[in-house]
N, C-alpha and C. Protein backbone atom coordinates (compact mmCIF):
# COMPACT_ATOMS: atom_id res chain seq x y z
N MET A 1 61.21 91.47 47.14
CA MET A 1 59.69 90.87 47.02
C MET A 1 59.75 89.34 47.70
N THR A 2 61.05 88.99 48.08
CA THR A 2 61.08 87.90 49.80
C THR A 2 60.11 88.39 50.47
N GLU A 3 60.35 89.39 50.78
CA GLU A 3 58.96 90.31 52.34
C GLU A 3 57.99 90.31 51.81
N ILE A 4 57.64 90.47 50.14
CA ILE A 4 56.22 89.99 49.67
C ILE A 4 55.26 88.69 49.98
N LYS A 5 56.63 87.45 49.59
CA LYS A 5 55.76 86.85 49.60
C LYS A 5 56.01 85.31 51.17
N SER A 6 56.69 86.30 51.96
CA SER A 6 57.47 85.96 53.71
C SER A 6 55.26 87.13 54.14
N ASP A 7 55.47 88.39 54.75
CA ASP A 7 54.33 88.75 54.43
C ASP A 7 52.93 87.80 53.65
N PHE A 8 52.86 86.86 52.58
CA PHE A 8 51.83 86.52 51.59
C PHE A 8 52.04 85.59 52.62
N ARG A 9 52.88 85.46 52.62
CA ARG A 9 52.69 83.43 53.68
C ARG A 9 52.15 83.40 55.28
N LYS A 10 52.37 84.29 55.82
CA LYS A 10 51.89 84.55 56.86
C LYS A 10 50.72 84.67 56.57
N LYS A 11 50.05 85.95 56.12
CA LYS A 11 48.19 86.01 55.95
C LYS A 11 48.12 84.48 55.89
N LEU A 12 48.45 84.06 54.71
CA LEU A 12 47.42 82.55 54.43
C LEU A 12 47.71 82.16 55.16
N GLU A 13 48.98 81.71 56.97
CA GLU A 13 48.30 80.53 57.02
C GLU A 13 47.51 80.75 58.40
N ALA A 14 47.37 83.00 59.09
CA ALA A 14 45.91 82.90 59.63
C ALA A 14 44.77 82.78 59.23
N ILE A 15 44.65 83.23 57.37
CA ILE A 15 43.69 81.97 57.32
C ILE A 15 43.63 81.10 57.44
N LYS A 16 44.34 79.90 56.68
CA LYS A 16 43.62 78.80 57.49
C LYS A 16 43.86 78.69 59.22
N GLU A 17 44.24 78.96 59.74
CA GLU A 17 44.31 78.76 61.41
C GLU A 17 42.18 79.95 61.45
N GLU A 18 42.49 80.24 61.11
CA GLU A 18 40.65 80.70 60.84
C GLU A 18 39.05 79.54 60.22
N TYR A 19 40.17 78.74 59.64
CA TYR A 19 39.56 78.29 58.06
C TYR A 19 39.33 77.36 59.31
N GLU A 20 39.94 76.87 59.63
CA GLU A 20 40.16 75.42 60.67
C GLU A 20 38.90 75.79 62.46
N ALA A 21 39.47 76.32 62.54
CA ALA A 21 38.65 77.17 63.70
C ALA A 21 37.12 76.57 63.16
N GLU A 22 37.09 77.80 61.99
CA GLU A 22 35.18 77.36 61.62
C GLU A 22 35.03 76.71 61.36
N ARG A 23 35.48 75.12 60.72
CA ARG A 23 35.34 74.05 60.00
C ARG A 23 34.87 73.08 60.72
N LYS A 24 34.51 73.34 62.22
CA LYS A 24 33.35 72.67 62.43
C LYS A 24 31.63 72.85 62.53
N GLY A 25 31.55 73.79 61.86
CA GLY A 25 29.97 74.27 61.70
C GLY A 25 29.38 73.34 60.24
N LEU A 26 28.78 74.31 59.93
CA LEU A 26 28.07 73.71 58.24
C LEU A 26 28.52 73.19 57.51
N ASN A 27 28.89 72.21 56.85
CA ASN A 27 29.50 72.59 56.08
C ASN A 27 28.49 71.63 54.48
N ILE A 28 27.87 71.78 53.49
CA ILE A 28 27.34 70.84 52.77
C ILE A 28 28.03 70.66 51.90
N PHE A 29 29.56 70.68 52.11
CA PHE A 29 29.59 69.44 50.73
C PHE A 29 29.73 68.37 51.67
N ARG A 30 30.31 68.36 52.99
CA ARG A 30 30.62 67.73 54.02
C ARG A 30 30.08 66.26 53.48
N ALA A 31 28.20 67.35 54.28
CA ALA A 31 27.00 66.85 53.45
C ALA A 31 26.38 65.93 52.45
N LEU A 32 27.06 66.46 51.55
CA LEU A 32 27.56 65.68 50.20
C LEU A 32 28.18 64.16 50.19
N HIS A 33 29.11 64.40 50.87
CA HIS A 33 30.68 63.32 50.91
C HIS A 33 30.92 63.08 49.61
N LYS A 34 31.39 65.04 49.75
CA LYS A 34 31.89 66.11 48.38
C LYS A 34 32.60 66.06 48.81
N GLU A 35 33.37 66.28 50.00
CA GLU A 35 34.88 67.49 49.87
C GLU A 35 35.49 67.71 49.45
N HIS A 36 35.89 66.99 48.92
CA HIS A 36 37.02 67.22 47.91
C HIS A 36 36.96 67.52 45.99
N ASP A 37 35.69 67.92 45.71
CA ASP A 37 35.70 67.87 45.31
C ASP A 37 36.03 69.25 43.88
N GLU A 38 36.91 69.97 44.84
CA GLU A 38 37.01 71.07 44.00
C GLU A 38 36.65 71.67 43.14
N LYS A 39 37.41 70.78 41.58
CA LYS A 39 36.57 71.26 40.29
C LYS A 39 35.33 70.94 39.96
N TYR A 40 34.49 70.53 39.64
CA TYR A 40 33.44 69.84 39.93
C TYR A 40 31.73 69.88 40.50
N LEU A 41 32.71 70.19 41.85
CA LEU A 41 31.74 71.04 42.20
C LEU A 41 31.27 71.77 43.41
N HIS A 42 32.12 72.32 43.95
CA HIS A 42 33.01 73.41 45.05
C HIS A 42 32.32 74.65 43.79
N SER A 43 33.70 74.19 42.85
CA SER A 43 34.11 76.01 41.57
C SER A 43 32.68 76.38 41.43
N ARG A 44 31.61 75.06 40.93
CA ARG A 44 30.94 75.61 39.91
C ARG A 44 29.60 75.96 40.95
N PHE A 45 29.56 75.10 42.31
CA PHE A 45 28.41 75.70 42.94
C PHE A 45 28.60 76.83 44.25
N ILE A 46 30.06 77.27 43.89
CA ILE A 46 30.28 79.05 44.65
C ILE A 46 30.18 80.04 43.81
N SER A 47 30.58 79.33 42.37
CA SER A 47 30.20 80.26 41.44
C SER A 47 28.81 80.54 41.03
N TYR A 48 27.83 79.09 41.18
CA TYR A 48 25.98 79.82 40.75
C TYR A 48 25.84 80.72 41.88
N LEU A 49 26.39 80.41 43.36
CA LEU A 49 25.71 81.61 44.19
C LEU A 49 26.36 82.57 44.13
N LEU A 50 27.31 83.07 43.52
CA LEU A 50 27.74 85.00 43.44
C LEU A 50 27.35 84.98 42.26
N SER A 51 26.59 84.31 41.28
CA SER A 51 26.76 85.06 39.73
C SER A 51 25.72 85.44 39.75
N PRO A 52 25.16 87.35 39.81
CA PRO A 52 23.44 87.73 39.41
C PRO A 52 23.44 86.98 38.84
N THR A 53 23.37 86.21 37.45
CA THR A 53 22.54 85.90 36.67
C THR A 53 22.21 84.29 36.84
N SER A 54 22.76 83.80 37.80
CA SER A 54 22.38 82.61 38.20
C SER A 54 20.35 82.20 38.34
N THR A 55 19.91 81.37 38.14
CA THR A 55 18.19 81.12 37.65
C THR A 55 18.50 81.14 39.47
N HIS A 56 19.07 81.39 40.58
CA HIS A 56 18.93 81.00 42.57
C HIS A 56 17.49 82.60 42.03
N GLY A 57 18.15 83.27 41.54
CA GLY A 57 16.96 84.94 41.49
C GLY A 57 16.97 85.89 42.37
N MET A 58 18.35 86.07 43.41
CA MET A 58 18.84 86.60 44.19
C MET A 58 19.93 87.96 43.65
N GLY A 59 19.91 87.89 41.95
CA GLY A 59 21.55 88.69 41.62
C GLY A 59 21.44 88.96 42.08
N ASN A 60 22.29 90.03 42.77
CA ASN A 60 23.67 90.66 43.49
C ASN A 60 24.23 90.29 44.17
N LYS A 61 22.66 89.91 45.19
CA LYS A 61 22.98 90.33 46.76
C LYS A 61 24.50 88.63 47.04
N SER A 62 23.85 88.06 46.04
CA SER A 62 25.82 86.78 47.39
C SER A 62 26.55 87.61 46.36
N LEU A 63 27.03 88.44 45.32
CA LEU A 63 27.81 89.06 45.12
C LEU A 63 28.95 89.88 45.77
N GLU A 64 27.46 90.86 46.42
CA GLU A 64 27.18 92.14 47.42
C GLU A 64 28.00 91.51 48.31
N ALA A 65 27.75 90.23 49.28
CA ALA A 65 27.58 89.69 50.65
C ALA A 65 29.10 88.94 50.26
N PHE A 66 29.37 88.96 48.97
CA PHE A 66 30.85 87.96 49.27
C PHE A 66 31.80 89.35 48.67
N ILE A 67 32.08 90.20 48.12
CA ILE A 67 32.28 91.59 48.31
C ILE A 67 32.61 92.20 49.80
N ASP A 68 31.37 92.37 50.12
CA ASP A 68 31.44 92.88 52.22
C ASP A 68 31.90 92.44 52.65
N ILE A 69 32.55 90.95 52.53
CA ILE A 69 32.70 89.79 53.47
C ILE A 69 34.51 90.17 53.78
N ILE A 70 35.26 90.14 51.96
CA ILE A 70 36.70 90.26 51.36
C ILE A 70 37.65 91.20 52.14
N SER A 71 36.22 92.70 52.17
CA SER A 71 35.86 94.03 52.14
C SER A 71 37.08 93.77 53.80
N VAL A 72 36.29 93.55 54.84
CA VAL A 72 36.78 93.24 55.92
C VAL A 72 38.22 93.31 55.64
N LYS A 73 39.09 92.36 55.50
CA LYS A 73 40.20 91.66 55.87
C LYS A 73 41.43 92.90 54.81
N ASN A 74 40.36 93.10 53.46
CA ASN A 74 41.12 94.13 52.61
C ASN A 74 40.14 94.86 51.76
N PRO A 75 40.38 96.46 52.65
CA PRO A 75 39.53 97.39 51.71
C PRO A 75 39.22 97.71 50.86
N ASN A 76 40.21 97.53 49.94
CA ASN A 76 40.03 98.07 48.04
C ASN A 76 39.24 96.71 47.20
N PHE A 77 38.49 96.06 48.24
CA PHE A 77 37.65 95.32 47.52
C PHE A 77 37.26 95.85 47.35
N ARG A 78 36.22 96.62 48.29
CA ARG A 78 35.07 97.59 48.08
C ARG A 78 35.23 98.53 46.66
N LYS A 79 35.90 98.54 46.27
CA LYS A 79 36.54 99.16 44.62
C LYS A 79 35.48 98.24 43.44
N PHE A 80 35.04 97.58 43.90
CA PHE A 80 35.65 96.41 42.97
C PHE A 80 33.62 96.92 42.46
N LYS A 81 33.47 97.49 41.20
CA LYS A 81 32.09 97.33 40.75
C LYS A 81 31.40 95.64 39.80
N ILE A 82 30.25 95.12 40.67
CA ILE A 82 29.92 94.70 40.32
C ILE A 82 28.61 94.52 39.33
N ASP A 83 28.31 95.88 39.06
CA ASP A 83 27.57 95.85 37.20
C ASP A 83 28.60 95.06 36.01
N ASN A 84 27.37 94.69 35.52
CA ASN A 84 27.97 93.47 34.08
C ASN A 84 29.07 93.11 34.26
N CYS A 85 28.93 92.43 35.92
CA CYS A 85 29.81 91.25 36.32
C CYS A 85 29.69 89.82 35.67
N THR A 86 30.49 89.20 36.05
CA THR A 86 30.98 88.32 34.15
C THR A 86 31.32 86.85 35.71
N ILE A 87 31.31 85.80 36.28
CA ILE A 87 31.33 85.18 36.57
C ILE A 87 31.30 82.90 36.13
N HIS A 88 32.91 83.06 36.27
CA HIS A 88 32.94 81.91 35.20
C HIS A 88 33.45 80.65 37.32
N PRO A 89 33.38 79.28 36.11
CA PRO A 89 32.02 79.22 35.16
C PRO A 89 31.26 79.25 35.30
N ASN A 90 30.11 79.54 34.66
CA ASN A 90 28.20 79.51 35.46
C ASN A 90 27.82 78.62 34.41
N GLU A 91 26.09 78.64 35.12
CA GLU A 91 25.26 77.67 34.35
C GLU A 91 24.99 77.57 32.80
N ASN A 92 25.44 78.50 31.88
CA ASN A 92 25.97 78.36 30.98
C ASN A 92 27.43 77.81 30.23
N LYS A 93 28.23 78.24 30.26
CA LYS A 93 29.84 77.34 30.47
C LYS A 93 30.37 77.26 31.31
N LYS A 94 30.62 75.61 32.47
CA LYS A 94 30.58 75.34 33.17
C LYS A 94 32.58 75.62 33.10
N GLU A 95 33.29 75.59 32.59
CA GLU A 95 34.29 75.02 31.92
C GLU A 95 35.24 76.42 32.85
N GLU A 96 36.35 75.79 34.28
CA GLU A 96 37.51 77.34 33.48
C GLU A 96 37.94 77.64 32.89
N ILE A 97 38.52 79.20 33.23
CA ILE A 97 39.33 79.94 32.31
C ILE A 97 40.63 79.71 32.60
N GLU A 98 41.45 79.65 31.55
CA GLU A 98 43.14 79.46 31.45
C GLU A 98 42.95 79.16 33.44
N TYR A 99 42.46 77.57 32.95
CA TYR A 99 42.02 77.17 34.74
C TYR A 99 41.82 77.45 36.05
N ILE A 100 41.62 78.78 35.72
CA ILE A 100 41.10 79.80 37.61
C ILE A 100 40.16 78.97 37.62
N ASP A 101 39.54 78.53 38.60
CA ASP A 101 38.89 78.26 39.77
C ASP A 101 36.90 78.55 40.07
N ILE A 102 37.48 79.85 39.85
CA ILE A 102 37.10 80.96 39.72
C ILE A 102 37.38 82.89 39.08
N LEU A 103 36.65 83.06 38.39
CA LEU A 103 36.98 84.31 38.20
C LEU A 103 35.71 85.22 37.96
N ILE A 104 35.62 86.04 38.25
CA ILE A 104 34.44 86.89 38.81
C ILE A 104 35.08 88.91 38.22
N GLU A 105 34.88 88.64 37.11
CA GLU A 105 35.39 90.52 36.53
C GLU A 105 34.03 90.74 35.70
N ASN A 106 34.77 93.05 35.37
CA ASN A 106 33.45 93.24 35.12
C ASN A 106 34.59 93.86 34.18
N ASP A 107 34.63 94.69 33.41
CA ASP A 107 35.35 95.20 32.50
C ASP A 107 36.55 95.65 32.49
N THR A 108 36.44 95.88 33.47
CA THR A 108 38.16 96.46 33.86
C THR A 108 39.40 95.64 35.61
N GLN A 109 37.94 95.31 35.51
CA GLN A 109 38.60 94.51 37.28
C GLN A 109 37.95 93.46 37.22
N ALA A 110 39.16 92.49 38.08
CA ALA A 110 39.59 90.72 37.57
C ALA A 110 38.57 90.17 39.82
N ILE A 111 38.84 89.60 40.26
CA ILE A 111 38.86 88.81 41.60
C ILE A 111 39.38 87.25 41.28
N VAL A 112 40.13 86.50 41.09
CA VAL A 112 41.15 85.31 41.17
C VAL A 112 40.25 84.56 42.14
N ILE A 113 39.56 84.08 42.48
CA ILE A 113 39.88 82.80 43.36
C ILE A 113 40.15 81.30 42.89
N GLU A 114 40.96 80.49 43.56
CA GLU A 114 42.30 79.56 43.50
C GLU A 114 41.49 78.09 44.91
N ASN A 115 41.10 77.06 44.12
CA ASN A 115 40.02 76.36 45.63
C ASN A 115 41.45 75.38 45.83
N LYS A 116 41.27 75.97 47.41
CA LYS A 116 43.02 74.97 47.46
C LYS A 116 42.54 74.33 48.58
N ILE A 117 41.18 73.01 48.38
CA ILE A 117 40.66 72.47 49.79
C ILE A 117 42.45 71.03 50.43
N PHE A 118 42.35 70.82 51.48
CA PHE A 118 43.15 70.09 51.63
C PHE A 118 44.90 70.11 51.38
N ALA A 119 45.74 71.48 50.92
CA ALA A 119 46.37 71.38 49.60
C ALA A 119 47.56 72.40 50.32
N LYS A 120 48.16 71.16 51.74
CA LYS A 120 48.83 71.47 52.53
C LYS A 120 50.32 71.56 52.30
N ALA A 121 50.78 70.51 51.21
CA ALA A 121 52.10 69.70 50.22
C ALA A 121 51.99 71.82 49.48
N SER A 122 51.10 71.74 49.27
CA SER A 122 52.36 73.19 47.86
C SER A 122 51.88 74.02 48.66
N TYR A 123 51.22 74.89 49.40
CA TYR A 123 50.96 75.87 50.66
C TYR A 123 52.78 75.68 51.03
N HIS A 124 53.05 75.16 51.27
CA HIS A 124 54.31 74.93 52.41
C HIS A 124 54.99 74.87 52.10
N LYS A 125 55.42 74.62 50.49
CA LYS A 125 56.78 74.11 49.79
C LYS A 125 56.62 75.73 49.22
N GLY A 126 55.90 76.64 49.63
CA GLY A 126 56.04 78.12 48.97
C GLY A 126 55.84 78.42 47.49
N ASN A 127 55.00 77.01 47.21
CA ASN A 127 54.33 77.15 46.43
C ASN A 127 52.89 78.52 45.64
N ILE A 128 53.84 79.80 45.34
CA ILE A 128 52.16 80.41 44.76
C ILE A 128 52.39 80.60 43.54
N HIS A 129 53.24 80.18 43.40
CA HIS A 129 53.71 80.82 41.28
C HIS A 129 52.67 80.54 40.49
N GLN A 130 51.29 79.59 40.82
CA GLN A 130 49.96 79.16 40.48
C GLN A 130 49.15 80.77 40.16
N ILE A 131 49.15 81.14 42.03
CA ILE A 131 48.17 82.15 41.28
C ILE A 131 49.04 83.64 41.00
N ASP A 132 50.38 83.46 41.21
CA ASP A 132 51.01 84.79 39.94
C ASP A 132 50.93 84.84 38.99
N THR A 133 50.40 83.21 38.46
CA THR A 133 50.82 83.63 37.06
C THR A 133 49.52 83.98 36.21
N TYR A 134 48.10 83.18 36.92
CA TYR A 134 46.56 83.74 37.37
C TYR A 134 46.66 85.65 36.97
N CYS A 135 47.46 86.17 37.95
CA CYS A 135 47.74 87.35 38.04
C CYS A 135 48.14 88.65 37.43
N LYS A 136 49.56 87.35 36.43
CA LYS A 136 49.10 87.85 36.11
C LYS A 136 48.50 87.89 34.01
N LYS A 137 48.13 86.90 33.50
CA LYS A 137 47.66 86.44 32.51
C LYS A 137 46.29 87.66 32.91
N MET A 138 45.46 88.06 33.80
CA MET A 138 44.44 89.39 33.89
C MET A 138 45.36 90.30 34.05
N LYS A 139 46.05 90.07 34.68
CA LYS A 139 46.58 91.39 33.97
C LYS A 139 46.59 92.26 32.34
N LYS A 140 47.30 91.50 31.37
CA LYS A 140 47.69 91.37 30.52
C LYS A 140 46.28 91.27 29.36
N GLY A 141 45.40 90.80 30.75
CA GLY A 141 43.97 90.54 29.82
C GLY A 141 43.44 89.54 28.49
N LYS A 142 44.36 88.19 28.81
CA LYS A 142 44.90 87.13 28.50
C LYS A 142 43.48 86.26 28.85
N LYS A 143 42.55 85.65 28.43
CA LYS A 143 41.62 84.70 29.37
C LYS A 143 41.54 83.50 28.48
């Protein structure tokens, strides 16, 4: 288990370094002076874009693009079925489910997204229990 956590931390560090390098580009949240509003702006905005039922009129296109992007690093995500998919929070229910920032789910699968903006302290202390807890809840079917 220690090896898995160590490997996970290394992958997170690589993602963080890649993110820092790309951070200099367009950032709508920076433009709105809301870079730190993870719960009430970031998650809701991202959920809105990903949700096939949102009023943006793009249907599944954003969710398909998201799945394609994350599948580059992990091909297992290509198996995620977006038909009858629900995204939380959404336009009708703005609350998180079980404190999960963004939950993408269908009848048998789920993707959990945890927003961590500038949260170096929790990462460097090795605190990955939050994601572990969410994954266990989803595996047990508790929402």
